[in-house]
N, C-alpha and C. Protein backbone atom coordinates (compact mmCIF):
# COMPACT_ATOMS: atom_id res chain seq x y z
N UNK A 1 0.87 -1.26 0.05
CA UNK A 1 -0.08 -0.08 -0.41
C UNK A 1 1.00 1.27 0.01
N UNK A 2 0.76 1.88 -1.02
CA UNK A 2 1.22 3.58 -0.87
C UNK A 2 0.84 4.24 -0.04
N UNK A 3 1.82 5.67 0.29
CA UNK A 3 1.63 6.24 1.27
C UNK A 3 0.44 7.22 1.33
N UNK A 4 -0.31 7.54 0.00
CA UNK A 4 -1.54 7.91 -0.17
C UNK A 4 -2.46 6.98 0.46
N UNK A 5 -2.57 5.89 -0.16
CA UNK A 5 -3.59 4.95 0.25
C UNK A 5 -3.51 4.65 1.93
N UNK A 6 -2.58 4.41 2.60
CA UNK A 6 -2.32 4.27 3.77
C UNK A 6 -3.07 5.65 4.68
N UNK A 7 -2.71 6.68 4.03
CA UNK A 7 -3.07 8.11 4.76
C UNK A 7 -4.78 7.88 4.43
N UNK A 8 -5.39 7.87 3.24
CA UNK A 8 -6.63 7.52 3.07
C UNK A 8 -7.14 6.76 4.15
N UNK A 9 -6.62 5.62 3.94
CA UNK A 9 -7.04 4.31 5.29
C UNK A 9 -7.22 4.73 6.24
N UNK A 10 -6.30 5.56 6.73
CA UNK A 10 -6.44 6.22 8.35
C UNK A 10 -7.19 7.07 8.58
N UNK A 11 -7.82 8.18 7.53
CA UNK A 11 -8.59 9.33 7.69
C UNK A 11 -9.98 8.32 7.71
N UNK A 12 -10.21 7.26 6.78
CA UNK A 12 -11.66 6.96 6.44
C UNK A 12 -12.04 6.17 7.70
N UNK A 13 -10.63 5.39 8.63
CA UNK A 13 -11.16 4.77 9.79
C UNK A 13 -11.46 5.44 10.78
N UNK A 14 -10.74 6.60 10.91
CA UNK A 14 -11.45 7.99 11.92
C UNK A 14 -12.57 8.20 11.86
N UNK A 15 -12.98 8.45 10.61
CA UNK A 15 -14.11 9.02 10.31
C UNK A 15 -15.26 8.03 11.06
N UNK A 16 -14.71 6.63 10.33
CA UNK A 16 -15.95 5.51 10.30
C UNK A 16 -16.08 5.49 12.03
N UNK A 17 -14.99 5.17 12.95
CA UNK A 17 -15.25 5.23 14.24
C UNK A 17 -15.78 6.63 14.60
N UNK A 18 -15.96 7.64 14.40
CA UNK A 18 -16.47 8.94 15.06
C UNK A 18 -17.95 9.38 14.05
N UNK A 19 -18.19 8.78 13.12
CA UNK A 19 -19.41 8.96 12.44
C UNK A 19 -20.72 9.03 13.37
N UNK A 20 -21.33 10.18 13.28
CA UNK A 20 -22.51 10.44 14.66
C UNK A 20 -23.66 9.43 13.92
N UNK A 21 -23.69 8.83 12.32
CA UNK A 21 -24.59 8.23 12.11
C UNK A 21 -24.35 6.62 11.38
N UNK A 22 -25.16 5.93 11.85
CA UNK A 22 -24.34 4.45 11.71
C UNK A 22 -24.34 4.05 10.26
N UNK A 23 -25.07 4.70 9.15
CA UNK A 23 -25.23 4.58 7.71
C UNK A 23 -23.67 5.02 7.34
N UNK A 24 -23.31 6.12 7.72
CA UNK A 24 -22.14 6.69 7.52
C UNK A 24 -20.91 6.02 7.98
N UNK A 25 -20.77 5.25 9.23
CA UNK A 25 -19.92 4.68 9.38
C UNK A 25 -19.80 3.08 8.85
N UNK A 26 -20.74 2.68 8.41
CA UNK A 26 -20.53 1.52 7.46
C UNK A 26 -19.99 2.06 6.05
N UNK A 27 -20.49 3.00 5.72
CA UNK A 27 -20.16 3.50 4.55
C UNK A 27 -18.33 3.78 4.36
N UNK A 28 -18.31 4.07 5.45
CA UNK A 28 -16.57 4.46 5.25
C UNK A 28 -15.84 3.16 5.80
N UNK A 29 -16.43 1.95 6.72
CA UNK A 29 -15.49 0.62 6.54
C UNK A 29 -15.39 0.28 5.46
N UNK A 30 -16.96 0.45 4.72
CA UNK A 30 -16.72 -0.36 3.44
C UNK A 30 -15.65 0.47 2.37
N UNK A 31 -15.57 1.51 2.47
CA UNK A 31 -14.67 2.17 1.51
C UNK A 31 -13.17 1.98 1.74
N UNK A 32 -12.93 1.12 2.89
CA UNK A 32 -11.39 0.87 3.61
C UNK A 32 -11.62 -0.55 3.10
N UNK A 33 -12.53 -1.21 2.49
CA UNK A 33 -12.61 -2.71 2.04
C UNK A 33 -13.50 -3.60 2.61
N UNK A 34 -13.34 -3.32 3.92
CA UNK A 34 -14.42 -4.35 4.84
C UNK A 34 -15.75 -4.63 4.11
N UNK A 35 -16.22 -5.79 3.78
CA UNK A 35 -17.32 -6.59 3.52
C UNK A 35 -18.33 -6.42 4.60
N UNK A 36 -19.25 -6.02 4.12
CA UNK A 36 -20.66 -5.20 5.04
C UNK A 36 -21.82 -5.71 4.75
N UNK A 37 -22.56 -6.79 5.40
CA UNK A 37 -23.63 -7.21 5.08
C UNK A 37 -24.80 -6.32 5.29
N UNK A 38 -26.19 -6.83 4.95
CA UNK A 38 -27.19 -6.18 5.05
C UNK A 38 -27.68 -5.92 6.51
N UNK A 39 -28.21 -4.71 7.06
CA UNK A 39 -28.92 -4.52 8.61
C UNK A 39 -27.79 -5.05 9.43
N UNK A 40 -26.76 -4.70 8.96
CA UNK A 40 -25.61 -4.84 10.33
C UNK A 40 -25.35 -3.38 10.89
N UNK A 41 -25.13 -3.49 12.43
CA UNK A 41 -24.83 -2.22 13.42
C UNK A 41 -23.47 -2.31 13.63
N UNK A 42 -23.22 -1.02 13.49
CA UNK A 42 -21.83 -1.14 14.17
C UNK A 42 -21.99 0.54 14.78
N UNK A 43 -21.62 0.17 16.53
CA UNK A 43 -21.59 1.36 17.30
C UNK A 43 -20.47 2.35 16.93
N UNK A 44 -20.35 3.46 17.78
CA UNK A 44 -19.17 4.17 17.76
C UNK A 44 -18.19 3.52 18.43
N UNK A 45 -16.64 3.95 17.76
CA UNK A 45 -15.74 3.65 18.11
C UNK A 45 -15.10 2.47 17.73
N UNK A 46 -15.50 1.63 17.05
CA UNK A 46 -15.40 0.20 16.67
C UNK A 46 -14.10 -0.10 15.59
N UNK A 47 -13.48 -0.42 16.31
CA UNK A 47 -11.72 -0.52 15.72
C UNK A 47 -11.55 -1.67 14.58
N UNK A 48 -11.61 -1.80 13.22
CA UNK A 48 -11.43 -2.64 12.23
C UNK A 48 -10.04 -2.30 12.01
N UNK A 49 -9.18 -3.40 11.85
CA UNK A 49 -8.08 -3.46 11.47
C UNK A 49 -7.09 -2.26 10.60
N UNK A 50 -6.22 -1.63 11.09
CA UNK A 50 -5.69 -0.37 10.44
C UNK A 50 -5.10 -1.03 9.07
N UNK A 51 -4.37 -2.12 9.21
CA UNK A 51 -3.78 -2.38 7.80
C UNK A 51 -4.25 -2.94 6.99
N UNK A 52 -5.01 -4.27 7.15
CA UNK A 52 -5.57 -5.10 6.38
C UNK A 52 -7.11 -4.85 6.68
N UNK A 53 -8.00 -4.00 6.54
CA UNK A 53 -9.56 -4.06 6.69
C UNK A 53 -10.35 -4.95 5.78
N UNK A 54 -9.62 -5.08 4.53
CA UNK A 54 -10.05 -6.04 3.63
C UNK A 54 -10.49 -7.55 3.92
N UNK A 55 -9.82 -7.95 5.14
CA UNK A 55 -9.59 -9.21 5.34
C UNK A 55 -11.17 -9.40 6.57
N UNK A 56 -11.65 -8.40 6.44
CA UNK A 56 -12.78 -8.51 7.40
C UNK A 56 -14.37 -8.64 6.75
N UNK A 57 -14.95 -9.82 7.40
CA UNK A 57 -16.09 -9.69 6.49
C UNK A 57 -17.37 -10.07 7.60
N UNK A 58 -18.13 -9.02 7.62
CA UNK A 58 -19.29 -8.86 8.57
C UNK A 58 -20.70 -9.23 7.89
N UNK A 59 -21.23 -10.08 8.40
CA UNK A 59 -22.46 -10.89 7.69
C UNK A 59 -23.50 -9.89 8.04
N UNK A 60 -24.61 -10.32 7.50
CA UNK A 60 -26.03 -9.82 7.55
C UNK A 60 -26.44 -9.82 9.17
N UNK A 61 -27.01 -8.67 9.50
CA UNK A 61 -27.66 -8.83 10.85
C UNK A 61 -26.89 -8.64 12.10
N UNK A 62 -25.41 -8.57 11.66
CA UNK A 62 -24.32 -8.78 13.08
C UNK A 62 -24.73 -7.45 13.78
N UNK A 63 -24.48 -7.59 14.93
CA UNK A 63 -24.40 -6.12 15.70
C UNK A 63 -23.01 -6.08 16.34
N UNK A 64 -22.70 -4.97 16.39
CA UNK A 64 -20.92 -4.60 17.06
C UNK A 64 -21.35 -3.39 17.88
N UNK A 65 -20.80 -3.71 19.11
CA UNK A 65 -21.05 -2.97 20.48
C UNK A 65 -19.75 -1.72 20.34
N UNK A 66 -19.74 -0.66 21.18
CA UNK A 66 -19.00 0.16 21.11
C UNK A 66 -17.05 -0.27 21.76
N UNK A 67 -16.60 0.32 20.81
CA UNK A 67 -15.03 -0.11 21.17
C UNK A 67 -14.71 -1.47 21.04
N UNK A 68 -15.05 -2.40 20.15
CA UNK A 68 -15.00 -3.59 19.99
C UNK A 68 -13.81 -3.60 18.83
N UNK A 69 -12.94 -4.46 18.83
CA UNK A 69 -11.87 -4.47 17.77
C UNK A 69 -11.66 -5.91 17.18
N UNK A 70 -11.59 -5.72 15.50
CA UNK A 70 -11.50 -6.72 14.91
C UNK A 70 -9.88 -6.52 14.60
N UNK A 71 -8.94 -7.51 14.62
CA UNK A 71 -7.71 -7.42 14.44
C UNK A 71 -7.16 -8.67 13.12
N UNK A 72 -6.92 -8.46 11.91
CA UNK A 72 -6.84 -9.11 11.21
C UNK A 72 -4.85 -9.41 10.73
N UNK A 73 -4.13 -8.72 11.48
CA UNK A 73 -2.89 -8.73 11.19
C UNK A 73 -2.22 -8.89 12.64
N UNK A 74 -0.75 -9.27 12.58
CA UNK A 74 0.01 -9.15 13.87
C UNK A 74 1.13 -8.81 13.39
N UNK A 75 1.79 -7.83 13.89
CA UNK A 75 3.28 -7.43 13.32
C UNK A 75 4.34 -6.90 14.35
N UNK A 76 4.85 -7.81 14.85
CA UNK A 76 6.09 -7.96 15.86
C UNK A 76 7.23 -6.80 15.32
N UNK A 77 7.78 -6.69 16.04
CA UNK A 77 8.94 -5.69 16.01
C UNK A 77 10.00 -6.28 15.37
N UNK A 78 10.78 -5.69 14.66
CA UNK A 78 11.73 -6.38 13.71
C UNK A 78 12.59 -7.60 14.45
N UNK A 79 12.89 -7.14 15.84
CA UNK A 79 13.79 -7.85 16.53
C UNK A 79 13.12 -9.17 17.13
N UNK A 80 11.83 -9.36 17.09
CA UNK A 80 10.86 -10.34 17.64
C UNK A 80 10.42 -11.28 16.32
N UNK A 81 10.40 -10.63 15.20
CA UNK A 81 9.70 -11.31 13.96
C UNK A 81 10.08 -12.80 13.69
N UNK A 82 11.56 -13.20 14.01
CA UNK A 82 12.01 -14.37 14.04
C UNK A 82 11.48 -15.14 14.73
N UNK A 83 10.93 -14.75 16.10
CA UNK A 83 10.21 -15.73 17.02
C UNK A 83 8.70 -15.76 16.85
N UNK A 84 8.05 -15.07 16.39
CA UNK A 84 6.84 -14.50 16.15
C UNK A 84 6.59 -13.83 14.64
N UNK A 85 6.50 -14.62 13.80
CA UNK A 85 6.07 -14.31 12.56
C UNK A 85 4.80 -13.61 12.24
N UNK A 86 4.99 -12.46 11.33
CA UNK A 86 3.74 -11.70 11.13
C UNK A 86 2.82 -12.61 10.41
N UNK A 87 1.54 -12.47 10.88
CA UNK A 87 0.35 -13.32 10.13
C UNK A 87 -0.59 -12.54 9.87
N UNK A 88 -1.30 -12.77 8.88
CA UNK A 88 -2.47 -11.91 8.37
C UNK A 88 -3.42 -12.97 7.93
N UNK A 89 -4.40 -13.01 8.62
CA UNK A 89 -5.70 -13.94 8.42
C UNK A 89 -7.02 -13.00 8.56
N UNK A 90 -7.89 -14.00 7.64
CA UNK A 90 -9.16 -13.14 7.48
C UNK A 90 -9.88 -13.29 8.70
N UNK A 91 -11.26 -12.52 9.31
CA UNK A 91 -12.15 -12.82 10.09
C UNK A 91 -13.29 -12.36 9.74
N UNK A 92 -14.34 -13.14 9.98
CA UNK A 92 -15.55 -13.31 9.68
C UNK A 92 -16.52 -13.38 10.70
N UNK A 93 -17.52 -12.31 10.88
CA UNK A 93 -18.31 -12.32 11.89
C UNK A 93 -19.49 -12.76 11.34
N UNK A 94 -20.49 -13.88 11.87
CA UNK A 94 -21.58 -14.60 11.19
C UNK A 94 -22.76 -13.71 11.04
N UNK A 95 -23.79 -14.25 10.78
CA UNK A 95 -25.13 -13.70 10.37
C UNK A 95 -25.68 -13.62 11.96
N UNK A 96 -25.94 -12.51 12.15
CA UNK A 96 -26.99 -12.25 13.52
C UNK A 96 -26.29 -12.36 14.71
N UNK A 97 -24.66 -12.15 14.45
CA UNK A 97 -23.85 -12.14 15.81
C UNK A 97 -23.99 -10.77 16.43
N UNK A 98 -23.73 -10.99 17.79
CA UNK A 98 -23.58 -9.83 18.71
C UNK A 98 -22.22 -9.64 19.17
N UNK A 99 -21.62 -8.81 19.08
CA UNK A 99 -20.30 -8.57 19.67
C UNK A 99 -19.96 -7.60 20.83
N UNK A 100 -19.85 -8.00 21.72
CA UNK A 100 -19.96 -6.99 23.14
C UNK A 100 -19.09 -5.79 23.00
N UNK A 101 -19.27 -4.91 23.88
CA UNK A 101 -18.29 -3.75 24.10
C UNK A 101 -17.11 -4.04 24.47
N UNK A 102 -15.88 -3.83 23.69
CA UNK A 102 -14.57 -3.75 24.35
C UNK A 102 -13.84 -5.18 24.12
N UNK A 103 -14.91 -6.08 23.23
CA UNK A 103 -14.39 -7.31 22.74
C UNK A 103 -13.37 -7.22 21.94
N UNK A 104 -12.36 -8.35 21.89
CA UNK A 104 -11.24 -8.09 20.78
C UNK A 104 -11.45 -9.48 20.08
N UNK A 105 -11.48 -9.45 18.90
CA UNK A 105 -11.32 -10.40 17.81
C UNK A 105 -9.95 -10.64 16.84
N UNK A 106 -9.28 -11.46 17.26
CA UNK A 106 -7.80 -11.86 16.71
C UNK A 106 -8.23 -12.49 15.42
N UNK A 107 -6.82 -12.34 14.83
CA UNK A 107 -6.72 -12.77 13.37
C UNK A 107 -7.00 -14.27 13.18
N UNK A 108 -7.58 -14.37 12.12
CA UNK A 108 -8.51 -15.92 11.83
C UNK A 108 -9.17 -16.71 12.38
N UNK A 109 -10.17 -15.59 13.04
CA UNK A 109 -11.10 -16.07 13.72
C UNK A 109 -12.62 -15.86 12.97
N UNK A 110 -13.18 -17.07 13.06
CA UNK A 110 -14.96 -17.09 12.79
C UNK A 110 -15.71 -17.05 13.82
N UNK A 111 -16.48 -16.23 13.85
CA UNK A 111 -17.68 -16.12 14.86
C UNK A 111 -18.74 -16.69 13.84
N UNK A 112 -19.27 -17.71 14.52
CA UNK A 112 -20.58 -18.71 13.93
C UNK A 112 -22.08 -17.91 14.03
N UNK A 113 -22.75 -18.35 13.42
CA UNK A 113 -24.12 -17.71 12.85
C UNK A 113 -24.73 -17.69 14.54
N UNK A 114 -25.38 -16.42 14.70
CA UNK A 114 -26.40 -16.59 16.07
C UNK A 114 -25.55 -16.49 17.28
N UNK A 115 -24.18 -16.14 17.16
CA UNK A 115 -23.37 -16.33 18.65
C UNK A 115 -23.21 -14.83 19.34
N UNK A 116 -22.84 -15.03 20.39
CA UNK A 116 -22.55 -13.67 21.16
C UNK A 116 -21.38 -13.96 21.96
N UNK A 117 -20.65 -12.70 21.41
CA UNK A 117 -19.21 -12.69 22.11
C UNK A 117 -19.49 -11.46 23.46
N UNK A 118 -19.21 -11.99 24.39
CA UNK A 118 -19.24 -10.82 25.89
C UNK A 118 -18.44 -9.51 25.76
N UNK A 119 -18.83 -8.62 26.51
CA UNK A 119 -18.22 -7.52 26.54
C UNK A 119 -16.86 -7.71 27.08
N UNK A 120 -15.74 -7.27 26.47
CA UNK A 120 -14.51 -7.48 26.99
C UNK A 120 -13.71 -8.85 26.72
N UNK A 121 -14.06 -9.60 26.45
CA UNK A 121 -13.75 -11.04 25.54
C UNK A 121 -12.63 -10.93 24.86
N UNK A 122 -11.77 -11.74 24.93
CA UNK A 122 -10.61 -11.67 23.84
C UNK A 122 -10.89 -13.30 23.03
N UNK A 123 -11.41 -13.12 22.03
CA UNK A 123 -11.54 -14.26 21.01
C UNK A 123 -10.29 -14.79 20.12
N UNK A 124 -9.76 -15.80 20.56
CA UNK A 124 -8.70 -16.20 19.87
C UNK A 124 -8.95 -17.68 19.06
N UNK A 125 -10.06 -18.16 19.17
CA UNK A 125 -10.52 -19.44 18.36
C UNK A 125 -11.78 -19.18 17.68
N UNK A 126 -12.16 -20.10 16.57
CA UNK A 126 -13.38 -19.81 16.21
C UNK A 126 -14.76 -20.15 17.30
N UNK A 127 -15.84 -19.48 17.16
CA UNK A 127 -16.62 -19.53 17.96
C UNK A 127 -17.89 -20.57 17.33
N UNK A 128 -18.43 -21.40 17.87
CA UNK A 128 -19.28 -22.02 17.23
C UNK A 128 -20.52 -21.70 17.09
N UNK A 129 -21.61 -22.02 15.84
CA UNK A 129 -22.78 -21.11 15.73
C UNK A 129 -23.56 -21.39 17.05
N UNK A 130 -24.41 -20.32 17.19
CA UNK A 130 -25.69 -19.83 18.38
C UNK A 130 -24.82 -20.37 19.67
N UNK A 131 -23.61 -20.03 20.10
CA UNK A 131 -22.91 -19.99 21.36
C UNK A 131 -22.74 -18.76 21.99
N UNK A 132 -22.88 -18.80 23.06
CA UNK A 132 -22.19 -17.44 24.10
C UNK A 132 -20.62 -17.86 24.55
N UNK A 133 -19.94 -17.00 24.07
CA UNK A 133 -18.54 -17.02 24.82
C UNK A 133 -17.94 -15.91 25.42
N UNK A 134 -17.16 -15.86 26.53
CA UNK A 134 -16.91 -14.72 27.17
C UNK A 134 -15.44 -14.90 27.90
N UNK A 135 -15.19 -13.80 28.46
CA UNK A 135 -13.60 -14.27 29.19
C UNK A 135 -12.56 -14.13 28.34
N UNK A 136 -11.38 -14.11 29.12
CA UNK A 136 -9.99 -13.54 28.65
C UNK A 136 -9.11 -14.88 28.93
N UNK A 137 -8.81 -15.91 27.81
CA UNK A 137 -9.68 -15.64 26.65
C UNK A 137 -11.01 -16.21 26.76
N UNK A 138 -11.47 -15.83 25.55
CA UNK A 138 -13.11 -16.22 25.51
C UNK A 138 -13.33 -17.82 25.72
N UNK A 139 -14.12 -18.09 26.53
CA UNK A 139 -14.64 -19.69 26.85
C UNK A 139 -16.14 -19.60 26.47
N UNK A 140 -16.29 -20.86 26.30
CA UNK A 140 -17.89 -21.35 26.19
C UNK A 140 -18.84 -21.29 27.29
N UNK A 141 -19.44 -20.63 27.36
CA UNK A 141 -20.68 -20.09 28.34
C UNK A 141 -21.58 -21.18 28.21
N UNK A 142 -22.33 -21.09 27.03
CA UNK A 142 -23.52 -21.53 27.11
C UNK A 142 -23.82 -21.83 25.46
N UNK A 143 -25.02 -22.67 24.94
CA UNK A 143 -25.60 -22.38 24.00
C UNK A 143 -26.94 -21.46 23.81
N UNK A 144 -26.69 -20.82 22.80
CA UNK A 144 -27.97 -19.59 22.96
C UNK A 144 -29.27 -20.08 23.22
N UNK A 145 -29.94 -21.25 22.62
CA UNK A 145 -31.32 -21.39 23.14
C UNK A 145 -31.18 -22.19 24.43
N UNK A 146 -30.24 -22.27 24.82
CA UNK A 146 -30.26 -22.78 26.60
C UNK A 146 -30.59 -21.80 27.46
N UNK A 147 -31.46 -22.09 28.52
CA UNK A 147 -31.89 -21.19 29.50
C UNK A 147 -30.97 -20.80 30.71
N UNK A 148 -31.01 -19.75 31.17
CA UNK A 148 -29.48 -19.81 32.59
C UNK A 148 -30.06 -20.43 33.45
């Protein structure tokens, strides 16, 4: 990515994170390359990867709460690269998912249809469809159709 494209990417990210109207937020995330389905709701201050936003796909009906983060790449310092190689992996947020406030979705994760990610969770592995996960790291809590 050249310098102009990187600059515009960052400008669009800043606008998307702080746009007062959800439709504008989605428009600016999509302009960065993020694939966004129909009836998706993205709250304020949602961070979608700064370097590879095109690796994020948010399917129909998903809702993402404030300050959630979706990360598609890891880039350690040059000194650590030989121990922790750079990775870039796709992230998919399934249909009708709910991502809680301050949740962090890491590279390569797929959130299954109808799942719920609890507030503040750090998701390091795929989430089965219709499942609730929470915690650091996120763990299975229950199926969506089960009563507490």
